[in-house]
């Protein structure tokens, strides 16, 4: 069950909106993983892990802002893999959005990005992150037009074109499908970051990840990009057209047409 811990600071209309949009259950006490309202933001926390701290989506400050302002822009590996170094106005479907960091990077370069997230609490975090971003003067002029959210599972988003077209409005066609599936935890590597620990508990592994590749290749006009750990096997054991390898991650690119 996806729980929303309510308090007097959480506006009632927004509480109802979140519960309606994402099927959350409002409670006054919660154990384990749940959503809460803190400092005018929706956060994910575990009552059994008080030292871990809160997790939230923040497009306006911290790492997201620093990467947007001082990152490599079109020179970043993700931009080259997606093709944004050649054409910044691509339409991208991020079928496994998570906390939306890669989606935000692509949108900040110029892409129109549709974030797809199936887990209700994570989708609600993205929704709240977008709400706060629209209040930021530096982001309000362009972010609402370039970054959208669709709360559904990846298979549905990849196979039901009407959903995608409606969410993307005028940019109905998908140029690029971006996949960053969760992979099973190995030894202690999944415990390095608190977000990863949370996702393995809340989201679980993407056991259907291999099945997403052929669906993504059928939908994408230009290419599919799969983000993998640098030493991981290819998704669905299918060799890509090319790969861009960094220190810890690798982008496998499956080209359908030139950009």
C-alpha atoms as a PDB file:
ATOM      1  CA  UNK A   1       0.000   0.000   0.000  1.00  0.00           C
ATOM      2  CA  UNK A   2       1.238   3.503  -0.885  1.00  0.00           C
ATOM      3  CA  UNK A   3       0.793   5.689   2.182  1.00  0.00           C
ATOM      4  CA  UNK A   4       0.684   9.462   2.531  1.00  0.00           C
ATOM      5  CA  UNK A   5       1.250  10.673   6.080  1.00  0.00           C
ATOM      6  CA  UNK A   6      -0.802  13.831   6.493  1.00  0.00           C
ATOM      7  CA  UNK A   7      -0.287  16.730   8.874  1.00  0.00           C
ATOM      8  CA  UNK A   8      -1.724  20.177   9.376  1.00  0.00           C
ATOM      9  CA  UNK A   9       0.862  21.775   7.066  1.00  0.00           C
ATOM     10  CA  UNK A  10      -0.251  19.728   4.037  1.00  0.00           C
ATOM     11  CA  UNK A  11      -3.063  21.615   2.277  1.00  0.00           C
ATOM     12  CA  UNK A  12      -6.215  19.509   2.140  1.00  0.00           C
ATOM     13  CA  UNK A  13      -6.839  20.159  -1.555  1.00  0.00           C
ATOM     14  CA  UNK A  14      -3.312  19.047  -2.444  1.00  0.00           C
ATOM     15  CA  UNK A  15      -3.669  15.963  -0.255  1.00  0.00           C
ATOM     16  CA  UNK A  16      -6.834  14.997  -2.147  1.00  0.00           C
ATOM     17  CA  UNK A  17      -5.139  15.739  -5.466  1.00  0.00           C
ATOM     18  CA  UNK A  18      -2.199  13.446  -4.665  1.00  0.00           C
ATOM     19  CA  UNK A  19      -4.443  10.644  -3.422  1.00  0.00           C
ATOM     20  CA  UNK A  20      -6.613  10.880  -6.533  1.00  0.00           C
ATOM     21  CA  UNK A  21      -3.733  11.083  -9.009  1.00  0.00           C
ATOM     22  CA  UNK A  22      -1.615   8.274  -7.581  1.00  0.00           C
ATOM     23  CA  UNK A  23      -3.962   6.100  -5.542  1.00  0.00           C
ATOM     24  CA  UNK A  24      -2.350   7.025  -2.244  1.00  0.00           C
ATOM     25  CA  UNK A  25      -3.956   6.241   1.096  1.00  0.00           C
ATOM     26  CA  UNK A  26      -3.950   9.154   3.564  1.00  0.00           C
ATOM     27  CA  UNK A  27      -3.039   8.148   7.122  1.00  0.00           C
ATOM     28  CA  UNK A  28      -2.150   9.905  10.365  1.00  0.00           C
ATOM     29  CA  UNK A  29       0.408   7.254  11.375  1.00  0.00           C
ATOM     30  CA  UNK A  30       2.688   5.199   9.144  1.00  0.00           C
ATOM     31  CA  UNK A  31       5.228   2.430   9.521  1.00  0.00           C
ATOM     32  CA  UNK A  32       7.887   1.560   6.959  1.00  0.00           C
ATOM     33  CA  UNK A  33       8.174   3.409   3.649  1.00  0.00           C
ATOM     34  CA  UNK A  34       5.704   6.237   3.175  1.00  0.00           C
ATOM     35  CA  UNK A  35       5.308   9.742   1.812  1.00  0.00           C
ATOM     36  CA  UNK A  36       5.270  12.721   4.163  1.00  0.00           C
ATOM     37  CA  UNK A  37       5.015  16.502   3.937  1.00  0.00           C
ATOM     38  CA  UNK A  38       8.085  18.403   5.106  1.00  0.00           C
ATOM     39  CA  UNK A  39       9.165  21.984   4.465  1.00  0.00           C
ATOM     40  CA  UNK A  40       6.590  22.474   1.686  1.00  0.00           C
ATOM     41  CA  UNK A  41       7.743  19.393  -0.197  1.00  0.00           C
ATOM     42  CA  UNK A  42       6.689  15.793  -0.569  1.00  0.00           C
ATOM     43  CA  UNK A  43       9.345  13.404   0.758  1.00  0.00           C
ATOM     44  CA  UNK A  44       9.844   9.650   0.930  1.00  0.00           C
ATOM     45  CA  UNK A  45      10.971   8.244   4.249  1.00  0.00           C
ATOM     46  CA  UNK A  46      11.128   5.010   6.200  1.00  0.00           C
ATOM     47  CA  UNK A  47      10.047   5.149   9.825  1.00  0.00           C
ATOM     48  CA  UNK A  48      12.333   2.188  10.519  1.00  0.00           C
ATOM     49  CA  UNK A  49      15.395   3.985   9.132  1.00  0.00           C
ATOM     50  CA  UNK A  50      15.361   7.449  10.745  1.00  0.00           C
ATOM     51  CA  UNK A  51      19.090   8.011  10.100  1.00  0.00           C
ATOM     52  CA  UNK A  52      18.689   7.574   6.367  1.00  0.00           C
ATOM     53  CA  UNK A  53      16.957  10.912   5.907  1.00  0.00           C
ATOM     54  CA  UNK A  54      14.320  12.015   3.439  1.00  0.00           C
ATOM     55  CA  UNK A  55      14.340  11.491  -0.313  1.00  0.00           C
ATOM     56  CA  UNK A  56      12.654  13.975  -2.622  1.00  0.00           C
ATOM     57  CA  UNK A  57      12.767  15.266  -6.190  1.00  0.00           C
ATOM     58  CA  UNK A  58      14.455  18.647  -6.476  1.00  0.00           C
ATOM     59  CA  UNK A  59      14.940  20.242  -9.884  1.00  0.00           C
ATOM     60  CA  UNK A  60      15.622  23.727  -8.516  1.00  0.00           C
ATOM     61  CA  UNK A  61      18.793  23.344  -6.451  1.00  0.00           C
ATOM     62  CA  UNK A  62      21.512  20.935  -5.401  1.00  0.00           C
ATOM     63  CA  UNK A  63      22.954  18.485  -7.902  1.00  0.00           C
ATOM     64  CA  UNK A  64      20.267  19.081 -10.521  1.00  0.00           C
ATOM     65  CA  UNK A  65      20.853  22.828 -10.613  1.00  0.00           C
ATOM     66  CA  UNK A  66      24.640  22.482 -10.548  1.00  0.00           C
ATOM     67  CA  UNK A  67      24.591  19.968 -13.383  1.00  0.00           C
ATOM     68  CA  UNK A  68      22.308  22.201 -15.458  1.00  0.00           C
ATOM     69  CA  UNK A  69      24.424  25.310 -14.924  1.00  0.00           C
ATOM     70  CA  UNK A  70      27.927  23.849 -14.889  1.00  0.00           C
ATOM     71  CA  UNK A  71      27.651  20.385 -16.412  1.00  0.00           C
ATOM     72  CA  UNK A  72      28.805  19.413 -19.850  1.00  0.00           C
ATOM     73  CA  UNK A  73      25.524  20.206 -21.596  1.00  0.00           C
ATOM     74  CA  UNK A  74      25.577  18.759 -25.093  1.00  0.00           C
ATOM     75  CA  UNK A  75      29.034  17.377 -24.334  1.00  0.00           C
ATOM     76  CA  UNK A  76      27.722  15.034 -21.627  1.00  0.00           C
ATOM     77  CA  UNK A  77      27.728  11.327 -22.401  1.00  0.00           C
ATOM     78  CA  UNK A  78      23.968  11.106 -22.058  1.00  0.00           C
ATOM     79  CA  UNK A  79      23.502  13.934 -24.564  1.00  0.00           C
ATOM     80  CA  UNK A  80      25.768  12.228 -27.081  1.00  0.00           C
ATOM     81  CA  UNK A  81      24.075   8.859 -26.557  1.00  0.00           C
ATOM     82  CA  UNK A  82      20.585  10.292 -27.051  1.00  0.00           C
ATOM     83  CA  UNK A  83      21.710  12.473 -29.966  1.00  0.00           C
ATOM     84  CA  UNK A  84      21.078  15.820 -28.311  1.00  0.00           C
ATOM     85  CA  UNK A  85      24.522  16.981 -29.382  1.00  0.00           C
ATOM     86  CA  UNK A  86      23.198  16.839 -32.947  1.00  0.00           C
ATOM     87  CA  UNK A  87      19.593  17.964 -32.431  1.00  0.00           C
ATOM     88  CA  UNK A  88      18.469  19.397 -29.126  1.00  0.00           C
ATOM     89  CA  UNK A  89      14.734  19.355 -29.909  1.00  0.00           C
ATOM     90  CA  UNK A  90      14.280  15.592 -29.843  1.00  0.00           C
ATOM     91  CA  UNK A  91      11.268  14.027 -28.144  1.00  0.00           C
ATOM     92  CA  UNK A  92      12.356  11.469 -25.539  1.00  0.00           C
ATOM     93  CA  UNK A  93      10.307   8.917 -23.632  1.00  0.00           C
ATOM     94  CA  UNK A  94      12.090   8.027 -20.394  1.00  0.00           C
ATOM     95  CA  UNK A  95      10.322   4.765 -19.651  1.00  0.00           C
ATOM     96  CA  UNK A  96      11.995   4.206 -16.255  1.00  0.00           C
ATOM     97  CA  UNK A  97      12.166   7.734 -14.852  1.00  0.00           C
ATOM     98  CA  UNK A  98      12.983   7.061 -11.183  1.00  0.00           C
ATOM     99  CA  UNK A  99      13.816  10.393  -9.542  1.00  0.00           C
ATOM    100  CA  UNK A 100      13.928  12.115 -12.922  1.00  0.00           C
ATOM    101  CA  UNK A 101      17.540  13.259 -12.884  1.00  0.00           C
ATOM    102  CA  UNK A 102      18.429  12.074 -16.366  1.00  0.00           C
ATOM    103  CA  UNK A 103      15.094  13.348 -17.695  1.00  0.00           C
ATOM    104  CA  UNK A 104      15.828  16.779 -16.258  1.00  0.00           C
ATOM    105  CA  UNK A 105      19.284  16.854 -17.857  1.00  0.00           C
ATOM    106  CA  UNK A 106      17.824  16.000 -21.261  1.00  0.00           C
ATOM    107  CA  UNK A 107      15.076  18.605 -20.888  1.00  0.00           C
ATOM    108  CA  UNK A 108      17.562  21.275 -19.803  1.00  0.00           C
ATOM    109  CA  UNK A 109      19.498  20.714 -23.045  1.00  0.00           C
ATOM    110  CA  UNK A 110      16.344  21.229 -25.107  1.00  0.00           C
ATOM    111  CA  UNK A 111      14.552  17.895 -25.439  1.00  0.00           C
ATOM    112  CA  UNK A 112      10.865  17.344 -24.782  1.00  0.00           C
ATOM    113  CA  UNK A 113      10.844  14.508 -22.240  1.00  0.00           C
ATOM    114  CA  UNK A 114       8.011  12.310 -21.037  1.00  0.00           C
ATOM    115  CA  UNK A 115       8.858  10.681 -17.704  1.00  0.00           C
ATOM    116  CA  UNK A 116       7.125   7.348 -17.158  1.00  0.00           C
ATOM    117  CA  UNK A 117       7.002   6.005 -13.603  1.00  0.00           C
ATOM    118  CA  UNK A 118       4.905   3.076 -12.437  1.00  0.00           C
ATOM    119  CA  UNK A 119       5.487   3.166  -8.657  1.00  0.00           C
ATOM    120  CA  UNK A 120       2.824   5.456  -7.117  1.00  0.00           C
ATOM    121  CA  UNK A 121       4.990   7.023  -4.393  1.00  0.00           C
ATOM    122  CA  UNK A 122       7.881   7.712  -6.757  1.00  0.00           C
ATOM    123  CA  UNK A 123       5.499   9.155  -9.354  1.00  0.00           C
ATOM    124  CA  UNK A 124       4.059  11.426  -6.654  1.00  0.00           C
ATOM    125  CA  UNK A 125       7.571  12.634  -5.806  1.00  0.00           C
ATOM    126  CA  UNK A 126       8.124  13.529  -9.468  1.00  0.00           C
ATOM    127  CA  UNK A 127       4.771  15.298  -9.596  1.00  0.00           C
ATOM    128  CA  UNK A 128       5.658  17.385  -6.549  1.00  0.00           C
ATOM    129  CA  UNK A 129       9.117  18.127  -7.929  1.00  0.00           C
ATOM    130  CA  UNK A 130       7.503  19.494 -11.089  1.00  0.00           C
ATOM    131  CA  UNK A 131       5.091  21.574  -8.980  1.00  0.00           C
ATOM    132  CA  UNK A 132       7.927  23.274  -7.140  1.00  0.00           C
ATOM    133  CA  UNK A 133       9.981  23.701 -10.311  1.00  0.00           C
ATOM    134  CA  UNK A 134       7.142  25.667 -11.907  1.00  0.00           C
ATOM    135  CA  UNK A 135       7.443  28.185  -9.051  1.00  0.00           C
ATOM    136  CA  UNK A 136      11.131  28.788  -9.784  1.00  0.00           C
ATOM    137  CA  UNK A 137      11.776  31.824 -11.979  1.00  0.00           C
ATOM    138  CA  UNK A 138      14.728  30.189 -13.751  1.00  0.00           C
ATOM    139  CA  UNK A 139      12.758  27.076 -14.701  1.00  0.00           C
ATOM    140  CA  UNK A 140       9.175  28.249 -15.128  1.00  0.00           C
ATOM    141  CA  UNK A 141       9.766  29.683 -18.612  1.00  0.00           C
ATOM    142  CA  UNK A 142      10.744  26.359 -20.193  1.00  0.00           C
ATOM    143  CA  UNK A 143      10.395  23.351 -17.890  1.00  0.00           C
ATOM    144  CA  UNK A 144       6.584  22.872 -18.060  1.00  0.00           C
ATOM    145  CA  UNK A 145       6.780  22.635 -21.852  1.00  0.00           C
ATOM    146  CA  UNK A 146       9.706  20.211 -21.908  1.00  0.00           C
ATOM    147  CA  UNK A 147       9.137  17.866 -18.970  1.00  0.00           C
ATOM    148  CA  UNK A 148       5.926  15.898 -18.451  1.00  0.00           C
ATOM    149  CA  UNK A 149       4.942  12.945 -16.271  1.00  0.00           C
ATOM    150  CA  UNK A 150       2.908   9.852 -17.068  1.00  0.00           C
ATOM    151  CA  UNK A 151       2.017   7.552 -14.177  1.00  0.00           C
ATOM    152  CA  UNK A 152       1.828   4.107 -15.737  1.00  0.00           C
ATOM    153  CA  UNK A 153       4.047   1.100 -16.316  1.00  0.00           C
ATOM    154  CA  UNK A 154       6.667   1.095 -19.041  1.00  0.00           C
ATOM    155  CA  UNK A 155       5.050  -1.659 -21.100  1.00  0.00           C
ATOM    156  CA  UNK A 156       1.798   0.275 -21.308  1.00  0.00           C
ATOM    157  CA  UNK A 157       3.583   3.496 -22.223  1.00  0.00           C
ATOM    158  CA  UNK A 158       5.553   1.736 -24.958  1.00  0.00           C
ATOM    159  CA  UNK A 159       2.614  -0.108 -26.474  1.00  0.00           C
ATOM    160  CA  UNK A 160      -0.352   2.262 -26.137  1.00  0.00           C
ATOM    161  CA  UNK A 161       0.559   5.103 -28.455  1.00  0.00           C
ATOM    162  CA  UNK A 162      -2.526   7.139 -27.556  1.00  0.00           C
ATOM    163  CA  UNK A 163      -1.249   7.502 -23.975  1.00  0.00           C
ATOM    164  CA  UNK A 164       2.093   8.790 -25.179  1.00  0.00           C
ATOM    165  CA  UNK A 165       0.629  11.170 -27.736  1.00  0.00           C
ATOM    166  CA  UNK A 166      -1.791  12.642 -25.201  1.00  0.00           C
ATOM    167  CA  UNK A 167       0.940  13.157 -22.602  1.00  0.00           C
ATOM    168  CA  UNK A 168       3.301  14.723 -25.132  1.00  0.00           C
ATOM    169  CA  UNK A 169       0.592  16.953 -26.605  1.00  0.00           C
ATOM    170  CA  UNK A 170       1.762  18.281 -29.995  1.00  0.00           C
ATOM    171  CA  UNK A 171       4.993  16.265 -29.950  1.00  0.00           C
ATOM    172  CA  UNK A 172       3.247  12.922 -30.330  1.00  0.00           C
ATOM    173  CA  UNK A 173       6.025  11.047 -32.089  1.00  0.00           C
ATOM    174  CA  UNK A 174       8.802   9.585 -29.948  1.00  0.00           C
ATOM    175  CA  UNK A 175      12.271  10.108 -31.384  1.00  0.00           C
ATOM    176  CA  UNK A 176      14.172   8.346 -28.600  1.00  0.00           C
ATOM    177  CA  UNK A 177      13.254   5.864 -25.896  1.00  0.00           C
ATOM    178  CA  UNK A 178      15.508   5.991 -22.840  1.00  0.00           C
ATOM    179  CA  UNK A 179      15.755   3.008 -20.475  1.00  0.00           C
ATOM    180  CA  UNK A 180      17.538   2.898 -17.125  1.00  0.00           C
ATOM    181  CA  UNK A 181      16.139  -0.243 -15.498  1.00  0.00           C
ATOM    182  CA  UNK A 182      16.812  -1.275 -11.937  1.00  0.00           C
ATOM    183  CA  UNK A 183      19.109  -4.264 -11.721  1.00  0.00           C
ATOM    184  CA  UNK A 184      19.433  -6.774  -8.853  1.00  0.00           C
ATOM    185  CA  UNK A 185      21.546  -5.632  -5.927  1.00  0.00           C
ATOM    186  CA  UNK A 186      25.046  -7.074  -5.898  1.00  0.00           C
ATOM    187  CA  UNK A 187      26.859  -7.413  -2.580  1.00  0.00           C
ATOM    188  CA  UNK A 188      26.783  -3.975  -0.902  1.00  0.00           C
ATOM    189  CA  UNK A 189      26.857  -1.821  -4.014  1.00  0.00           C
ATOM    190  CA  UNK A 190      23.137  -1.039  -3.803  1.00  0.00           C
ATOM    191  CA  UNK A 191      23.590   0.400  -0.308  1.00  0.00           C
ATOM    192  CA  UNK A 192      26.041   3.118  -1.294  1.00  0.00           C
ATOM    193  CA  UNK A 193      23.349   5.690  -2.003  1.00  0.00           C
ATOM    194  CA  UNK A 194      20.244   6.105   0.092  1.00  0.00           C
ATOM    195  CA  UNK A 195      18.144   6.550  -3.066  1.00  0.00           C
ATOM    196  CA  UNK A 196      19.260   3.151  -4.316  1.00  0.00           C
ATOM    197  CA  UNK A 197      18.405   1.536  -1.000  1.00  0.00           C
ATOM    198  CA  UNK A 198      14.984   3.114  -1.119  1.00  0.00           C
ATOM    199  CA  UNK A 199      14.341   2.087  -4.689  1.00  0.00           C
ATOM    200  CA  UNK A 200      15.257  -1.523  -4.067  1.00  0.00           C
ATOM    201  CA  UNK A 201      12.792  -1.603  -1.175  1.00  0.00           C
ATOM    202  CA  UNK A 202      10.029   0.528  -2.667  1.00  0.00           C
ATOM    203  CA  UNK A 203      10.311  -0.096  -6.409  1.00  0.00           C
ATOM    204  CA  UNK A 204      11.994  -3.489  -6.561  1.00  0.00           C
ATOM    205  CA  UNK A 205      13.973  -4.844  -9.484  1.00  0.00           C
ATOM    206  CA  UNK A 206      12.762  -4.336 -13.054  1.00  0.00           C
ATOM    207  CA  UNK A 207      12.280  -8.009 -13.804  1.00  0.00           C
ATOM    208  CA  UNK A 208      10.572  -7.125 -17.085  1.00  0.00           C
ATOM    209  CA  UNK A 209      13.500  -5.007 -18.286  1.00  0.00           C
ATOM    210  CA  UNK A 210      14.542  -7.398 -21.076  1.00  0.00           C
ATOM    211  CA  UNK A 211      11.014  -7.290 -22.476  1.00  0.00           C
ATOM    212  CA  UNK A 212      11.165  -3.495 -22.753  1.00  0.00           C
ATOM    213  CA  UNK A 213      13.928  -3.420 -25.374  1.00  0.00           C
ATOM    214  CA  UNK A 214      11.986  -4.800 -28.363  1.00  0.00           C
ATOM    215  CA  UNK A 215       8.986  -2.642 -27.462  1.00  0.00           C
ATOM    216  CA  UNK A 216      11.203   0.430 -27.225  1.00  0.00           C
ATOM    217  CA  UNK A 217      12.853  -0.329 -30.557  1.00  0.00           C
ATOM    218  CA  UNK A 218       9.447  -0.657 -32.196  1.00  0.00           C
ATOM    219  CA  UNK A 219       8.301   2.736 -30.854  1.00  0.00           C
ATOM    220  CA  UNK A 220      11.403   4.913 -31.214  1.00  0.00           C
ATOM    221  CA  UNK A 221      11.818   6.632 -34.563  1.00  0.00           C
ATOM    222  CA  UNK A 222      15.514   7.387 -34.150  1.00  0.00           C
ATOM    223  CA  UNK A 223      17.061   5.261 -31.407  1.00  0.00           C
ATOM    224  CA  UNK A 224      16.844   3.518 -28.056  1.00  0.00           C
ATOM    225  CA  UNK A 225      19.370   4.320 -25.329  1.00  0.00           C
ATOM    226  CA  UNK A 226      19.913   1.915 -22.419  1.00  0.00           C
ATOM    227  CA  UNK A 227      21.876   3.030 -19.359  1.00  0.00           C
ATOM    228  CA  UNK A 228      23.738   0.147 -17.722  1.00  0.00           C
ATOM    229  CA  UNK A 229      26.454  -0.394 -15.120  1.00  0.00           C
ATOM    230  CA  UNK A 230      29.744  -0.383 -16.965  1.00  0.00           C
ATOM    231  CA  UNK A 231      30.339  -4.134 -16.618  1.00  0.00           C
ATOM    232  CA  UNK A 232      26.722  -5.290 -16.994  1.00  0.00           C
ATOM    233  CA  UNK A 233      25.610  -7.562 -19.792  1.00  0.00           C
ATOM    234  CA  UNK A 234      23.577  -6.116 -22.641  1.00  0.00           C
ATOM    235  CA  UNK A 235      19.868  -5.764 -22.035  1.00  0.00           C
ATOM    236  CA  UNK A 236      18.023  -8.807 -23.439  1.00  0.00           C
ATOM    237  CA  UNK A 237      21.461 -10.099 -24.466  1.00  0.00           C
ATOM    238  CA  UNK A 238      21.195  -7.876 -27.535  1.00  0.00           C
ATOM    239  CA  UNK A 239      24.322  -6.106 -28.729  1.00  0.00           C
ATOM    240  CA  UNK A 240      23.820  -2.378 -29.424  1.00  0.00           C
ATOM    241  CA  UNK A 241      24.820  -0.416 -32.479  1.00  0.00           C
ATOM    242  CA  UNK A 242      27.374   1.404 -30.322  1.00  0.00           C
ATOM    243  CA  UNK A 243      28.207   2.098 -26.683  1.00  0.00           C
ATOM    244  CA  UNK A 244      29.528   5.121 -24.808  1.00  0.00           C
ATOM    245  CA  UNK A 245      31.375   4.001 -21.680  1.00  0.00           C
ATOM    246  CA  UNK A 246      32.202   6.116 -18.648  1.00  0.00           C
ATOM    247  CA  UNK A 247      33.723   5.357 -15.256  1.00  0.00           C
ATOM    248  CA  UNK A 248      30.688   3.646 -13.750  1.00  0.00           C
ATOM    249  CA  UNK A 249      27.946   3.705 -16.393  1.00  0.00           C
ATOM    250  CA  UNK A 250      27.594   2.711 -20.023  1.00  0.00           C
ATOM    251  CA  UNK A 251      25.100   3.957 -22.606  1.00  0.00           C
ATOM    252  CA  UNK A 252      24.129   1.295 -25.142  1.00  0.00           C
ATOM    253  CA  UNK A 253      22.637   2.841 -28.269  1.00  0.00           C
ATOM    254  CA  UNK A 254      20.335   0.960 -30.642  1.00  0.00           C
ATOM    255  CA  UNK A 255      19.989   3.028 -33.822  1.00  0.00           C
ATOM    256  CA  UNK A 256      16.853   2.867 -35.955  1.00  0.00           C
ATOM    257  CA  UNK A 257      17.517   5.945 -38.080  1.00  0.00           C
ATOM    258  CA  UNK A 258      20.025   8.763 -38.326  1.00  0.00           C
ATOM    259  CA  UNK A 259      19.445  11.948 -36.361  1.00  0.00           C
END
